[in-house]
N, C-alpha and C. Protein backbone atom coordinates (compact mmCIF):
# COMPACT_ATOMS: atom_id res chain seq x y z
N MET A 1 1.02 -1.19 0.07
CA MET A 1 0.03 -0.04 0.03
C MET A 1 0.97 1.33 0.06
N ASN A 2 0.55 2.08 -0.87
CA ASN A 2 1.25 3.44 -0.78
C ASN A 2 1.04 4.14 0.43
N ARG A 3 2.05 4.51 1.16
CA ARG A 3 1.87 5.43 2.55
C ARG A 3 1.79 6.81 2.23
N LYS A 4 2.45 7.17 1.09
CA LYS A 4 2.87 8.40 0.79
C LYS A 4 1.34 9.26 0.28
N VAL A 5 0.85 10.40 0.94
CA VAL A 5 -0.14 11.05 0.46
C VAL A 5 0.29 12.40 0.15
N LYS A 6 -0.23 13.05 -0.97
CA LYS A 6 0.00 14.31 -1.19
C LYS A 6 -1.11 15.15 -0.27
N SER A 7 -0.59 16.48 -0.12
CA SER A 7 -1.66 17.22 0.75
C SER A 7 -2.74 17.56 -0.16
N PRO A 8 -3.98 17.33 0.38
CA PRO A 8 -5.03 17.60 -0.22
C PRO A 8 -5.31 18.96 -0.61
N ASP A 9 -6.22 19.22 -1.56
CA ASP A 9 -6.50 20.42 -1.90
C ASP A 9 -7.50 20.99 -1.22
N GLY A 10 -8.05 22.38 -1.25
CA GLY A 10 -9.19 22.85 -0.33
C GLY A 10 -10.41 21.87 -0.43
N THR A 11 -10.83 21.51 -1.55
CA THR A 11 -12.19 20.73 -1.43
C THR A 11 -11.84 19.49 -0.90
N LYS A 12 -10.89 18.69 -1.23
CA LYS A 12 -10.58 17.50 -1.11
C LYS A 12 -10.46 17.52 0.67
N ARG A 13 -9.61 18.60 1.20
CA ARG A 13 -9.38 18.49 2.55
C ARG A 13 -10.86 18.65 3.43
N LYS A 14 -11.88 19.46 2.81
CA LYS A 14 -12.84 19.69 3.38
C LYS A 14 -13.61 18.31 3.45
N LEU A 15 -13.68 17.59 2.36
CA LEU A 15 -14.46 16.27 2.48
C LEU A 15 -13.62 15.17 3.26
N LEU A 16 -12.30 15.27 3.25
CA LEU A 16 -11.82 14.32 4.37
C LEU A 16 -12.22 14.65 5.63
N ASP A 17 -11.91 15.97 5.98
CA ASP A 17 -12.29 16.22 7.49
C ASP A 17 -13.95 16.04 7.55
N ALA A 18 -14.81 16.32 6.66
CA ALA A 18 -16.35 16.01 6.81
C ALA A 18 -16.50 14.41 7.11
N GLY A 19 -15.94 13.88 6.11
CA GLY A 19 -15.95 12.18 6.42
C GLY A 19 -15.59 11.72 7.51
N LEU A 20 -14.61 12.20 8.24
CA LEU A 20 -14.04 11.76 9.60
C LEU A 20 -15.17 11.97 10.56
N ARG A 21 -15.86 13.31 10.49
CA ARG A 21 -16.86 13.51 11.21
C ARG A 21 -18.06 12.74 11.16
N ILE A 22 -18.54 12.52 10.00
CA ILE A 22 -19.62 11.78 9.48
C ILE A 22 -19.35 10.18 10.10
N PHE A 23 -18.42 9.57 9.57
CA PHE A 23 -18.05 8.15 10.02
C PHE A 23 -17.89 8.02 11.56
N GLY A 24 -17.26 8.99 12.06
CA GLY A 24 -17.21 8.96 13.59
C GLY A 24 -18.58 9.28 14.47
N THR A 25 -19.48 9.54 13.62
CA THR A 25 -20.63 10.03 14.54
C THR A 25 -21.90 8.99 13.86
N ILE A 26 -22.17 9.18 12.49
CA ILE A 26 -23.16 8.29 12.27
C ILE A 26 -22.80 6.82 11.86
N SER A 27 -21.69 6.58 11.76
CA SER A 27 -21.13 5.36 11.48
C SER A 27 -20.99 5.22 10.01
N PHE A 28 -20.19 4.27 9.57
CA PHE A 28 -19.70 3.97 8.47
C PHE A 28 -21.16 3.46 7.40
N GLY A 29 -21.55 2.40 8.16
CA GLY A 29 -22.82 1.67 7.38
C GLY A 29 -23.89 2.58 7.13
N SER A 30 -24.31 3.28 8.03
CA SER A 30 -25.50 4.14 8.06
C SER A 30 -25.26 5.51 7.31
N ALA A 31 -23.84 5.97 7.00
CA ALA A 31 -23.58 7.09 6.34
C ALA A 31 -23.91 6.94 4.96
N LYS A 32 -24.30 8.13 4.27
CA LYS A 32 -24.12 8.33 2.80
C LYS A 32 -23.14 9.34 2.34
N LEU A 33 -22.67 9.04 1.21
CA LEU A 33 -21.94 10.09 0.47
C LEU A 33 -22.49 11.51 0.68
N GLU A 34 -23.94 11.58 0.44
CA GLU A 34 -24.47 12.86 0.38
C GLU A 34 -24.18 13.55 1.88
N ASP A 35 -24.52 12.61 2.99
CA ASP A 35 -24.13 13.09 4.21
C ASP A 35 -22.93 13.89 4.30
N VAL A 36 -22.08 13.30 3.80
CA VAL A 36 -20.37 13.96 3.80
C VAL A 36 -20.55 15.19 3.09
N ALA A 37 -21.16 15.12 1.93
CA ALA A 37 -21.03 16.39 1.12
C ALA A 37 -21.82 17.47 1.71
N ALA A 38 -23.00 17.15 2.43
CA ALA A 38 -23.90 18.29 3.34
C ALA A 38 -22.93 18.65 4.14
N GLU A 39 -22.31 17.84 5.15
CA GLU A 39 -21.36 18.21 6.15
C GLU A 39 -20.28 19.22 5.71
N ALA A 40 -19.65 18.73 4.68
CA ALA A 40 -18.61 19.78 3.93
C ALA A 40 -19.24 21.11 3.18
N GLY A 41 -20.50 21.15 3.29
CA GLY A 41 -21.04 22.28 2.50
C GLY A 41 -20.92 22.39 1.08
N LEU A 42 -20.66 21.10 0.44
CA LEU A 42 -20.55 20.91 -0.78
C LEU A 42 -21.65 20.03 -1.66
N THR A 43 -21.69 20.08 -2.91
CA THR A 43 -22.66 19.28 -3.45
C THR A 43 -22.42 17.77 -3.76
N ARG A 44 -23.26 17.00 -3.93
CA ARG A 44 -23.07 15.67 -4.25
C ARG A 44 -22.11 15.38 -5.54
N GLY A 45 -22.04 16.33 -6.35
CA GLY A 45 -21.14 16.17 -7.55
C GLY A 45 -19.58 16.43 -7.10
N ALA A 46 -19.49 17.20 -6.18
CA ALA A 46 -18.08 17.59 -5.69
C ALA A 46 -17.37 16.41 -5.10
N ILE A 47 -18.18 15.56 -4.28
CA ILE A 47 -17.61 14.37 -3.81
C ILE A 47 -17.44 13.26 -4.75
N SER A 48 -18.33 13.19 -5.80
CA SER A 48 -18.29 12.18 -6.74
C SER A 48 -16.91 12.31 -7.57
N TRP A 49 -16.74 13.53 -7.75
CA TRP A 49 -15.32 14.02 -8.31
C TRP A 49 -14.18 13.50 -7.89
N HIS A 50 -14.19 13.36 -6.41
CA HIS A 50 -13.08 12.96 -5.80
C HIS A 50 -13.00 11.39 -5.17
N PHE A 51 -14.32 10.94 -4.83
CA PHE A 51 -14.36 9.64 -4.35
C PHE A 51 -15.67 9.08 -4.85
N LYS A 52 -15.50 7.85 -5.42
CA LYS A 52 -16.50 7.08 -6.15
C LYS A 52 -17.55 6.44 -5.30
N THR A 53 -16.89 5.80 -4.12
CA THR A 53 -17.30 5.11 -3.06
C THR A 53 -17.04 5.75 -1.71
N LYS A 54 -17.98 4.89 -0.78
CA LYS A 54 -17.68 5.27 0.81
C LYS A 54 -16.36 4.71 1.05
N GLN A 55 -15.88 3.58 0.56
CA GLN A 55 -14.91 2.82 0.95
C GLN A 55 -13.69 3.63 0.24
N ALA A 56 -13.82 4.19 -0.60
CA ALA A 56 -12.63 5.07 -1.28
C ALA A 56 -12.36 6.13 -0.39
N LEU A 57 -13.43 6.71 0.14
CA LEU A 57 -13.47 8.02 1.05
C LEU A 57 -12.68 7.60 2.32
N LEU A 58 -12.99 6.28 3.06
CA LEU A 58 -12.79 6.03 4.28
C LEU A 58 -11.23 5.57 4.11
N ARG A 59 -10.92 5.08 3.03
CA ARG A 59 -9.27 4.59 2.67
C ARG A 59 -8.65 5.83 2.90
N GLU A 60 -8.91 6.97 2.15
CA GLU A 60 -8.15 8.14 2.17
C GLU A 60 -8.20 8.90 3.54
N ILE A 61 -9.15 8.72 4.12
CA ILE A 61 -9.27 9.29 5.71
C ILE A 61 -8.40 8.57 6.36
N LEU A 62 -8.31 7.50 6.46
CA LEU A 62 -7.40 6.59 7.25
C LEU A 62 -5.94 6.75 7.12
N ILE A 63 -5.59 6.71 5.61
CA ILE A 63 -4.29 6.98 5.42
C ILE A 63 -3.88 8.49 5.63
N ASP A 64 -4.62 9.40 5.41
CA ASP A 64 -4.36 10.81 5.62
C ASP A 64 -4.33 10.91 7.02
N PHE A 65 -5.11 10.49 7.74
CA PHE A 65 -4.82 10.54 9.48
C PHE A 65 -3.55 10.06 9.80
N SER A 66 -3.40 8.81 9.33
CA SER A 66 -2.02 8.06 9.98
C SER A 66 -0.76 8.66 9.67
N VAL A 67 -0.84 9.17 8.37
CA VAL A 67 0.36 10.04 7.87
C VAL A 67 0.58 10.95 8.69
N GLU A 68 -0.48 11.96 8.95
CA GLU A 68 -0.21 13.18 9.84
C GLU A 68 -0.15 13.08 11.33
N LYS A 69 -1.18 12.41 11.91
CA LYS A 69 -1.31 12.25 13.38
C LYS A 69 -0.36 11.29 14.05
N PHE A 70 -0.61 10.13 13.27
CA PHE A 70 0.30 8.91 13.92
C PHE A 70 1.60 9.38 13.72
N ASN A 71 2.21 9.71 12.72
CA ASN A 71 3.52 9.93 12.54
C ASN A 71 4.03 11.14 13.52
N ALA A 72 3.16 12.03 13.74
CA ALA A 72 3.45 13.00 14.55
C ALA A 72 3.82 12.45 16.03
N VAL A 73 2.89 11.58 16.43
CA VAL A 73 2.88 10.96 17.62
C VAL A 73 4.42 9.95 17.94
N LEU A 74 4.55 9.50 16.86
CA LEU A 74 5.71 8.48 16.86
C LEU A 74 6.94 9.53 16.90
N GLY A 75 6.95 10.76 16.30
CA GLY A 75 7.91 11.81 16.14
C GLY A 75 8.23 12.07 17.83
N ILE A 76 7.30 12.47 18.28
CA ILE A 76 7.54 12.71 19.88
C ILE A 76 8.30 11.48 20.66
N TYR A 77 7.82 10.39 20.33
CA TYR A 77 8.70 9.26 21.00
C TYR A 77 10.21 9.38 20.72
N ASN A 78 10.37 9.65 19.50
CA ASN A 78 11.70 9.71 18.84
C ASN A 78 12.64 10.96 19.03
N CYS A 79 11.91 11.86 19.84
CA CYS A 79 12.58 13.23 19.83
C CYS A 79 13.93 13.64 20.52
N GLY A 80 14.11 12.26 21.49
CA GLY A 80 15.38 12.41 22.22
C GLY A 80 15.28 13.25 23.53
N GLU A 81 13.91 13.64 23.95
CA GLU A 81 13.86 14.29 25.28
C GLU A 81 13.98 13.37 26.31
N SER A 82 13.92 13.69 27.48
CA SER A 82 13.80 12.87 28.78
C SER A 82 12.48 11.95 28.83
N PRO A 83 12.26 10.78 29.37
CA PRO A 83 11.20 10.20 29.39
C PRO A 83 10.00 10.91 29.98
N LEU A 84 10.42 11.72 31.09
CA LEU A 84 9.34 12.52 31.57
C LEU A 84 8.72 13.57 30.80
N MET A 85 9.84 14.11 30.10
CA MET A 85 9.14 15.16 28.93
C MET A 85 8.64 14.78 27.82
N ILE A 86 8.96 13.52 27.32
CA ILE A 86 7.99 12.83 26.37
C ILE A 86 6.65 12.51 26.76
N LEU A 87 6.52 11.92 27.97
CA LEU A 87 5.07 11.59 28.58
C LEU A 87 4.56 12.94 28.59
N GLU A 88 4.90 14.26 29.05
CA GLU A 88 4.04 15.34 29.02
C GLU A 88 3.90 15.81 27.66
N MET A 89 4.72 15.82 26.61
CA MET A 89 4.45 15.91 25.29
C MET A 89 3.36 15.09 24.61
N LEU A 90 3.39 13.94 25.19
CA LEU A 90 2.41 12.83 24.42
C LEU A 90 0.89 13.34 25.01
N ILE A 91 0.94 13.58 26.37
CA ILE A 91 -0.29 14.04 26.90
C ILE A 91 -0.97 15.31 26.39
N ASP A 92 -0.14 16.23 26.05
CA ASP A 92 -0.38 17.45 25.53
C ASP A 92 -0.92 17.29 24.03
N TYR A 93 -0.13 16.74 23.21
CA TYR A 93 -0.36 16.40 21.84
C TYR A 93 -1.87 15.69 21.81
N HIS A 94 -2.09 14.72 22.62
CA HIS A 94 -3.18 13.91 22.30
C HIS A 94 -4.58 14.69 22.95
N MET A 95 -4.37 15.32 24.06
CA MET A 95 -5.46 16.58 24.56
C MET A 95 -5.77 17.59 23.44
N LYS A 96 -4.87 18.07 22.82
CA LYS A 96 -5.04 19.16 21.61
C LYS A 96 -5.78 18.44 20.41
N HIS A 97 -5.67 17.25 20.36
CA HIS A 97 -6.24 16.35 19.00
C HIS A 97 -7.09 15.60 19.37
N MET A 98 -7.68 15.76 20.63
CA MET A 98 -8.64 14.24 20.97
C MET A 98 -9.88 14.37 20.36
N ASP A 99 -10.56 15.39 19.89
CA ASP A 99 -11.67 15.32 19.06
C ASP A 99 -11.44 14.61 17.81
N GLU A 100 -10.37 14.79 17.12
CA GLU A 100 -10.11 13.86 15.90
C GLU A 100 -9.81 12.47 16.10
N PHE A 101 -9.03 12.21 17.33
CA PHE A 101 -8.88 10.87 17.87
C PHE A 101 -9.93 10.29 18.09
N HIS A 102 -11.03 10.91 18.96
CA HIS A 102 -12.12 10.34 19.14
C HIS A 102 -12.94 9.82 18.02
N LEU A 103 -13.00 10.74 16.90
CA LEU A 103 -13.83 10.34 15.86
C LEU A 103 -13.11 9.17 14.94
N LEU A 104 -11.78 9.24 14.80
CA LEU A 104 -11.23 8.15 14.49
C LEU A 104 -11.64 6.91 15.02
N ILE A 105 -11.31 6.65 16.14
CA ILE A 105 -11.41 5.53 16.97
C ILE A 105 -13.08 5.05 16.83
N SER A 106 -13.83 5.92 16.81
CA SER A 106 -15.27 5.59 16.63
C SER A 106 -15.51 4.90 15.25
N ALA A 107 -14.92 5.60 14.24
CA ALA A 107 -15.19 5.20 12.66
C ALA A 107 -14.43 3.96 12.74
N LEU A 108 -13.36 3.61 13.32
CA LEU A 108 -12.44 2.38 12.99
C LEU A 108 -13.54 1.18 13.75
N SER A 109 -13.99 1.46 15.01
CA SER A 109 -14.86 0.52 15.55
C SER A 109 -15.93 0.11 14.87
N CYS A 110 -16.71 1.12 14.19
CA CYS A 110 -17.96 0.67 13.34
C CYS A 110 -17.59 0.13 12.14
N SER A 111 -16.44 0.63 11.51
CA SER A 111 -16.02 0.09 10.34
C SER A 111 -15.55 -1.30 10.44
N SER A 112 -14.76 -1.76 11.32
CA SER A 112 -14.23 -2.97 11.64
C SER A 112 -15.31 -4.01 11.80
N LEU A 113 -16.29 -3.60 12.44
CA LEU A 113 -17.66 -4.39 12.68
C LEU A 113 -18.51 -4.66 11.43
N GLU A 114 -18.38 -3.60 10.67
CA GLU A 114 -19.06 -3.75 9.37
C GLU A 114 -18.37 -4.40 8.07
N ARG A 115 -17.00 -4.41 8.31
CA ARG A 115 -16.00 -5.24 7.36
C ARG A 115 -16.31 -4.73 6.02
N PRO A 116 -16.16 -3.35 5.83
CA PRO A 116 -16.22 -3.21 4.20
C PRO A 116 -15.26 -3.62 3.32
N GLU A 117 -15.61 -4.18 2.22
CA GLU A 117 -14.80 -4.82 1.38
C GLU A 117 -13.69 -4.08 0.84
N GLY A 118 -12.52 -4.60 0.53
CA GLY A 118 -11.49 -3.80 -0.20
C GLY A 118 -10.60 -2.79 0.73
N LEU A 119 -10.96 -2.91 1.89
CA LEU A 119 -9.99 -1.96 2.98
C LEU A 119 -9.26 -2.88 4.05
N GLU A 120 -9.05 -4.40 3.66
CA GLU A 120 -8.18 -5.02 4.66
C GLU A 120 -6.66 -4.55 4.63
N ASP A 121 -6.22 -4.18 3.79
CA ASP A 121 -4.79 -3.52 3.78
C ASP A 121 -4.81 -2.47 4.52
N VAL A 122 -5.74 -1.50 4.47
CA VAL A 122 -5.76 -0.29 5.38
C VAL A 122 -5.85 -0.44 6.91
N PHE A 123 -6.66 -1.44 7.11
CA PHE A 123 -6.85 -1.92 8.55
C PHE A 123 -5.55 -2.49 9.22
N SER A 124 -5.17 -3.26 8.26
CA SER A 124 -3.62 -3.78 8.51
C SER A 124 -2.46 -2.96 9.03
N PHE A 125 -2.75 -1.91 8.01
CA PHE A 125 -2.03 -0.53 8.30
C PHE A 125 -1.94 -0.09 9.52
N MET A 126 -3.30 0.18 9.93
CA MET A 126 -3.80 1.01 11.07
C MET A 126 -3.27 0.09 12.26
N ASP A 127 -3.40 -1.23 12.37
CA ASP A 127 -3.10 -2.06 13.17
C ASP A 127 -1.70 -1.97 13.57
N GLU A 128 -0.76 -1.84 12.64
CA GLU A 128 0.63 -1.48 12.61
C GLU A 128 1.19 -0.23 13.25
N LYS A 129 0.34 0.76 12.89
CA LYS A 129 0.57 2.11 13.50
C LYS A 129 0.20 2.06 15.13
N PHE A 130 -0.80 1.18 15.56
CA PHE A 130 -1.32 1.31 16.91
C PHE A 130 -0.25 0.29 17.59
N ASN A 131 0.37 -0.58 16.89
CA ASN A 131 1.19 -1.35 17.60
C ASN A 131 2.76 -0.88 17.83
N GLU A 132 2.92 0.17 16.80
CA GLU A 132 4.18 0.96 16.85
C GLU A 132 4.05 1.86 18.27
N TYR A 133 2.79 2.48 18.26
CA TYR A 133 2.64 3.07 19.49
C TYR A 133 2.77 2.47 20.81
N PHE A 134 2.26 1.14 20.80
CA PHE A 134 2.46 0.45 22.04
C PHE A 134 4.04 0.13 22.21
N THR A 135 4.72 -0.36 21.18
CA THR A 135 6.27 -0.63 21.28
C THR A 135 6.79 0.59 21.74
N ALA A 136 6.71 1.63 20.94
CA ALA A 136 7.49 2.99 21.45
C ALA A 136 7.26 3.24 22.90
N HIS A 137 5.91 3.14 23.45
CA HIS A 137 5.68 3.43 24.59
C HIS A 137 6.01 2.54 25.82
N ALA A 138 6.09 1.11 25.52
CA ALA A 138 6.67 0.25 26.22
C ALA A 138 8.30 0.58 26.50
N GLU A 139 9.08 0.88 25.43
CA GLU A 139 10.38 1.18 25.42
C GLU A 139 10.56 2.47 26.12
N LEU A 140 9.68 3.52 26.09
CA LEU A 140 9.69 4.86 26.96
C LEU A 140 9.55 4.44 28.42
N ILE A 141 8.74 3.49 28.91
CA ILE A 141 8.64 3.26 30.11
C ILE A 141 9.79 2.39 30.77
N ILE A 142 10.43 1.49 30.15
CA ILE A 142 11.70 0.78 30.28
C ILE A 142 12.59 1.72 30.52
N LYS A 143 13.03 2.81 29.61
CA LYS A 143 13.87 3.77 29.77
C LYS A 143 13.55 4.64 31.06
N GLY A 144 12.31 5.03 31.23
CA GLY A 144 12.27 5.78 32.39
C GLY A 144 12.33 5.10 33.80
N ILE A 145 12.11 3.80 33.82
CA ILE A 145 12.43 2.89 34.77
C ILE A 145 13.80 2.87 35.29
N ASN A 146 14.54 2.74 34.00
CA ASN A 146 15.91 2.33 34.25
C ASN A 146 16.65 3.81 34.63
N GLU A 147 16.21 4.74 34.26
CA GLU A 147 16.51 6.25 34.67
C GLU A 147 16.31 6.52 36.02
N GLY A 148 15.39 5.81 36.75
CA GLY A 148 14.88 5.97 38.00
C GLY A 148 13.99 7.14 38.19
N VAL A 149 13.12 7.61 36.99
CA VAL A 149 11.99 8.72 37.28
C VAL A 149 10.51 8.09 37.18
N PHE A 150 10.53 6.98 36.55
CA PHE A 150 9.28 6.09 36.58
C PHE A 150 9.14 5.17 37.51
N ARG A 151 8.09 4.64 37.87
CA ARG A 151 7.89 3.70 38.97
C ARG A 151 8.40 2.34 38.50
N GLY A 152 8.99 1.79 39.47
CA GLY A 152 9.27 0.35 38.99
C GLY A 152 8.36 -0.88 38.87
N ASP A 153 7.21 -0.46 39.28
CA ASP A 153 6.27 -1.52 39.32
C ASP A 153 5.40 -1.63 37.99
N LEU A 154 5.73 -0.32 37.11
CA LEU A 154 5.02 -0.25 35.79
C LEU A 154 5.32 -1.54 35.14
N ASP A 155 4.37 -2.05 34.37
CA ASP A 155 4.45 -3.25 33.53
C ASP A 155 4.70 -2.65 31.94
N PRO A 156 5.76 -2.49 31.46
CA PRO A 156 5.63 -2.10 30.07
C PRO A 156 4.74 -2.47 29.00
N ASP A 157 4.38 -3.68 28.81
CA ASP A 157 3.38 -4.12 28.00
C ASP A 157 1.98 -3.75 28.35
N PHE A 158 1.70 -3.95 29.59
CA PHE A 158 0.36 -3.61 30.10
C PHE A 158 -0.14 -1.99 30.21
N HIS A 159 0.90 -1.11 30.43
CA HIS A 159 0.83 0.25 30.52
C HIS A 159 1.02 0.84 29.26
N SER A 160 1.59 0.07 28.32
CA SER A 160 1.74 0.75 26.95
C SER A 160 0.48 0.96 26.48
N ARG A 161 -0.47 -0.04 26.57
CA ARG A 161 -1.86 -0.07 26.09
C ARG A 161 -2.76 0.76 27.11
N SER A 162 -2.70 0.72 28.37
CA SER A 162 -3.57 1.34 29.18
C SER A 162 -3.44 2.80 29.16
N PHE A 163 -2.25 3.33 28.91
CA PHE A 163 -1.95 4.84 28.71
C PHE A 163 -2.88 5.14 27.67
N TYR A 164 -3.09 4.61 26.35
CA TYR A 164 -3.94 5.17 25.44
C TYR A 164 -5.43 4.80 25.72
N THR A 165 -5.66 3.63 26.46
CA THR A 165 -7.01 3.48 27.04
C THR A 165 -7.53 4.39 27.83
N PHE A 166 -6.72 4.91 28.79
CA PHE A 166 -7.06 5.89 29.75
C PHE A 166 -7.38 7.08 29.06
N LEU A 167 -6.40 7.71 28.16
CA LEU A 167 -6.58 9.02 27.41
C LEU A 167 -7.81 8.84 26.55
N TRP A 168 -7.97 8.06 25.76
CA TRP A 168 -9.26 7.83 24.90
C TRP A 168 -10.62 7.82 25.85
N GLY A 169 -10.33 6.69 26.71
CA GLY A 169 -11.63 6.61 27.66
C GLY A 169 -11.84 7.89 28.53
N VAL A 170 -11.01 8.65 28.81
CA VAL A 170 -11.53 9.61 29.61
C VAL A 170 -12.20 10.71 28.65
N PHE A 171 -11.73 10.89 27.61
CA PHE A 171 -12.45 11.78 26.56
C PHE A 171 -13.75 11.28 26.07
N LEU A 172 -13.76 9.93 25.89
CA LEU A 172 -14.99 9.45 25.41
C LEU A 172 -16.23 9.75 26.39
N ASN A 173 -15.65 9.44 27.88
CA ASN A 173 -16.56 9.64 28.87
C ASN A 173 -17.12 11.05 29.05
N ARG A 174 -16.06 11.99 28.59
CA ARG A 174 -16.64 13.54 28.56
C ARG A 174 -17.59 13.65 27.75
N TYR A 175 -17.58 13.22 26.59
CA TYR A 175 -18.54 12.98 25.49
C TYR A 175 -19.89 12.62 26.19
N ARG A 176 -19.76 11.48 26.70
CA ARG A 176 -21.07 10.52 26.96
C ARG A 176 -21.80 11.08 28.25
N LEU A 177 -20.89 11.25 29.39
CA LEU A 177 -21.37 11.88 30.53
C LEU A 177 -21.28 13.30 31.11
N PHE A 178 -20.06 13.80 30.62
CA PHE A 178 -19.71 15.09 30.85
C PHE A 178 -19.57 16.29 30.07
N SER A 179 -20.50 16.19 28.86
CA SER A 179 -20.45 17.18 28.01
C SER A 179 -20.21 18.68 28.31
N HIS A 180 -20.69 18.93 29.48
CA HIS A 180 -20.40 20.45 29.81
C HIS A 180 -19.08 20.49 30.60
N TYR A 181 -18.25 19.21 30.79
CA TYR A 181 -16.96 19.65 31.67
C TYR A 181 -16.03 20.42 30.81
N ASP A 182 -15.52 21.19 31.48
CA ASP A 182 -14.46 22.14 30.85
C ASP A 182 -13.29 21.46 30.37
N THR A 183 -12.75 21.57 29.11
CA THR A 183 -11.72 20.85 28.53
C THR A 183 -10.79 21.01 29.12
N GLU A 184 -10.33 22.13 29.46
CA GLU A 184 -9.08 22.32 30.05
C GLU A 184 -8.90 21.77 31.29
N ALA A 185 -9.96 21.65 32.19
CA ALA A 185 -9.80 21.01 33.41
C ALA A 185 -9.74 19.64 33.41
N MET A 186 -10.43 18.96 32.25
CA MET A 186 -10.32 17.63 31.92
C MET A 186 -8.82 17.26 31.53
N ARG A 187 -8.09 18.14 30.82
CA ARG A 187 -6.78 17.94 30.40
C ARG A 187 -5.91 17.98 31.59
N VAL A 188 -6.01 18.68 32.61
CA VAL A 188 -5.31 18.82 33.75
C VAL A 188 -5.48 17.48 34.55
N ASN A 189 -6.81 17.17 34.79
CA ASN A 189 -6.96 16.26 35.54
C ASN A 189 -6.16 14.94 34.86
N CYS A 190 -6.55 14.82 33.64
CA CYS A 190 -5.94 13.67 32.93
C CYS A 190 -4.46 13.60 33.19
N ARG A 191 -3.86 14.59 32.91
CA ARG A 191 -2.15 14.74 33.07
C ARG A 191 -1.74 14.26 34.50
N ASP A 192 -2.72 14.70 35.55
CA ASP A 192 -2.29 14.52 36.92
C ASP A 192 -2.42 13.06 37.17
N GLU A 193 -3.45 12.43 36.84
CA GLU A 193 -3.69 10.89 36.86
C GLU A 193 -2.68 10.14 36.53
N ILE A 194 -2.12 10.55 35.25
CA ILE A 194 -1.12 9.77 34.58
C ILE A 194 0.15 9.86 35.27
N MET A 195 0.59 11.08 35.59
CA MET A 195 1.74 11.40 36.28
C MET A 195 1.92 10.86 37.58
N LEU A 196 0.76 10.76 38.14
CA LEU A 196 0.66 10.13 39.57
C LEU A 196 0.89 8.60 39.32
N SER A 197 0.47 8.13 38.37
CA SER A 197 0.72 6.50 38.26
C SER A 197 2.24 6.21 37.63
N TYR A 198 2.61 7.37 37.17
CA TYR A 198 4.12 6.96 36.20
C TYR A 198 5.28 7.46 36.97
N VAL A 199 5.09 8.44 37.65
CA VAL A 199 6.40 9.14 38.27
C VAL A 199 6.62 8.39 39.80
N LYS A 200 7.98 8.14 39.77
CA LYS A 200 8.31 7.41 40.89
C LYS A 200 8.68 8.43 41.99
N PRO A 201 7.81 8.22 43.26
CA PRO A 201 7.78 8.97 44.46
C PRO A 201 9.17 9.27 44.93
N GLU A 202 9.23 10.42 45.29
CA GLU A 202 10.66 11.05 45.98
C GLU A 202 10.90 10.45 47.26
C-alpha cells in the first residue's frame, strides 16, 4: 500500500474532514456520501469527483490521518527528550487533538464491525501504527524505569496499552457523561492522573 499521500487541495480537505466527522458519529454503514457532502457544505457532484465510493473515502481518511497524526506521535517518542518530558508531550498532543482521535476510534470501531470490502490492507496498516505506538511506549517506560524517574512496578506491555485506553476513555466519557465539563480541567486532571501513576515517588 502506498503510504505517501499528497497534501489534499481545499475541496478534498473539506471532504476528508467532513468524512471523519460523519463516519465517527453516524457510522460508516449508516452514512451516505450525500451526508458527507452536506457536512462539508459541498454538492453531491463535488464528492463524486474525488471519491466514487464510501470505501474510497474511508481509505483516504485513514491513510491521511495516519500519515499526519500517527507519525507526529511517533516523532514525539523519537525526539530525544527525557522520558518525563516525552510523557508530558504525549499527553499535551493527544489532548489538543482528542476530538479527531475520538472520531477516528469511533469510525474504526464501526467500520471494523461492518467489514467493508477492499479495505483489509488499510486496517492492517492501522493495526501496524497502533502496535508501533505500544512498542514505542513500552520502550519509553523501560527507559524511564532504568533512569529512576518512573515507578519500578510499571508493566511496560500492560501500561503501554492502558496509557492510550485511559486517554481515549477519559475523553469518550466526557462526551457521553460530562459534555459540559471544562476541556482544560479535563486535560489537567488527565495529566495529573497519569503522572501520579508513572512518576516515582521521591
